[in-house]
Amino acid sequence: MAALGGPERAAWESAAASVLLARQEALDGKPALAGSWAPDSAWAIEGDRAYTTAQACLTLAAWAQPTQLLRGLPSED
């Protein structure tokens, strides 16, 4: 989506951030799980909480720093 740019990128960023941040485990639940994501996605069978959390973090990182991930492609920012 970062390479695509434009309104599609903006819509994806907004939706991804909204969903991921809303599903992140809160500190008021179980403190040991705070900041992670529950392994309840379609791909959770392939991994566990660590896998799900890593995928969520990578998605947020791509949203936050797309030009660093693209390495060399021009930024529209």
Protein backbone atom coordinates (compact mmCIF):
# COMPACT_ATOMS: atom_id res chain seq x y z
CA MET A 1 0.00 0.00 0.00
CA ALA A 2 2.89 2.34 0.67
CA ALA A 3 4.06 1.94 -2.92
CA LEU A 4 0.55 2.52 -4.23
CA GLY A 5 0.16 5.79 -2.34
CA GLY A 6 -2.73 8.20 -2.67
CA PRO A 7 -6.15 7.78 -1.08
CA GLU A 8 -5.87 3.99 -1.06
CA ARG A 9 -2.77 4.17 1.12
CA ALA A 10 -4.41 6.69 3.45
CA ALA A 11 -7.52 4.50 3.79
CA TRP A 12 -5.42 1.40 4.51
CA GLU A 13 -3.30 3.19 7.10
CA SER A 14 -6.34 4.50 8.90
CA ALA A 15 -8.12 1.13 8.92
CA ALA A 16 -5.02 -0.84 9.93
CA ALA A 17 -4.13 1.49 12.78
CA SER A 18 -7.71 1.61 14.02
CA VAL A 19 -8.16 -2.17 14.06
CA LEU A 20 -4.74 -3.06 15.41
CA LEU A 21 -4.66 -0.49 18.17
CA ALA A 22 -8.20 -1.39 19.28
CA ARG A 23 -7.25 -5.09 19.53
CA GLN A 24 -4.00 -4.61 21.42
CA GLU A 25 -4.06 -6.09 24.93
CA ALA A 26 -4.47 -3.42 27.60
CA LEU A 27 -2.47 -3.12 30.79
CA ASP A 28 -5.66 -3.47 32.87
CA GLY A 29 -6.16 -7.07 31.73
CA LYS A 30 -3.38 -9.52 32.42
CA PRO A 31 -0.17 -7.49 32.88
CA ALA A 32 1.96 -10.22 31.31
CA LEU A 33 -0.02 -9.87 28.06
CA ALA A 34 -0.12 -6.07 27.95
CA GLY A 35 0.91 -4.67 24.58
CA SER A 36 0.53 -7.96 22.73
CA TRP A 37 -2.19 -9.19 20.38
CA ALA A 38 -4.34 -12.28 20.94
CA PRO A 39 -3.71 -15.16 18.55
CA ASP A 40 -7.27 -15.15 17.18
CA SER A 41 -6.74 -14.44 13.49
CA ALA A 42 -7.12 -16.82 10.56
CA TRP A 43 -3.36 -17.41 10.70
CA ALA A 44 -3.11 -17.99 14.45
CA ILE A 45 -3.04 -21.75 13.91
CA GLU A 46 0.35 -21.24 12.24
CA GLY A 47 1.75 -19.26 15.14
CA ASP A 48 0.93 -18.13 18.61
CA ARG A 49 0.74 -14.84 20.49
CA ALA A 50 4.34 -14.02 19.56
CA TYR A 51 3.61 -14.52 15.85
CA THR A 52 0.41 -12.46 15.96
CA THR A 53 2.16 -9.69 17.89
CA ALA A 54 5.09 -9.66 15.48
CA GLN A 55 2.77 -9.37 12.48
CA ALA A 56 0.85 -6.50 14.12
CA CYS A 57 4.10 -4.69 14.94
CA LEU A 58 5.40 -5.12 11.39
CA THR A 59 2.14 -3.75 10.01
CA LEU A 60 2.32 -0.71 12.27
CA ALA A 61 6.00 -0.22 11.41
CA ALA A 62 5.19 -0.23 7.70
CA TRP A 63 2.52 2.37 8.33
CA ALA A 64 4.83 4.53 10.39
CA GLN A 65 7.99 4.32 8.24
CA PRO A 66 7.04 3.16 4.72
CA THR A 67 9.95 4.86 2.97
CA GLN A 68 12.50 3.05 5.11
CA LEU A 69 10.90 -0.28 4.25
CA LEU A 70 10.77 0.49 0.53
CA ARG A 71 14.46 1.49 0.35
CA GLY A 72 14.92 3.84 -2.50
CA LEU A 73 11.39 4.32 -3.75
CA PRO A 74 10.35 7.97 -3.61
CA SER A 75 8.11 9.00 -0.74
CA GLU A 76 4.82 10.79 -1.24
CA ASP A 77 4.94 12.21 2.29
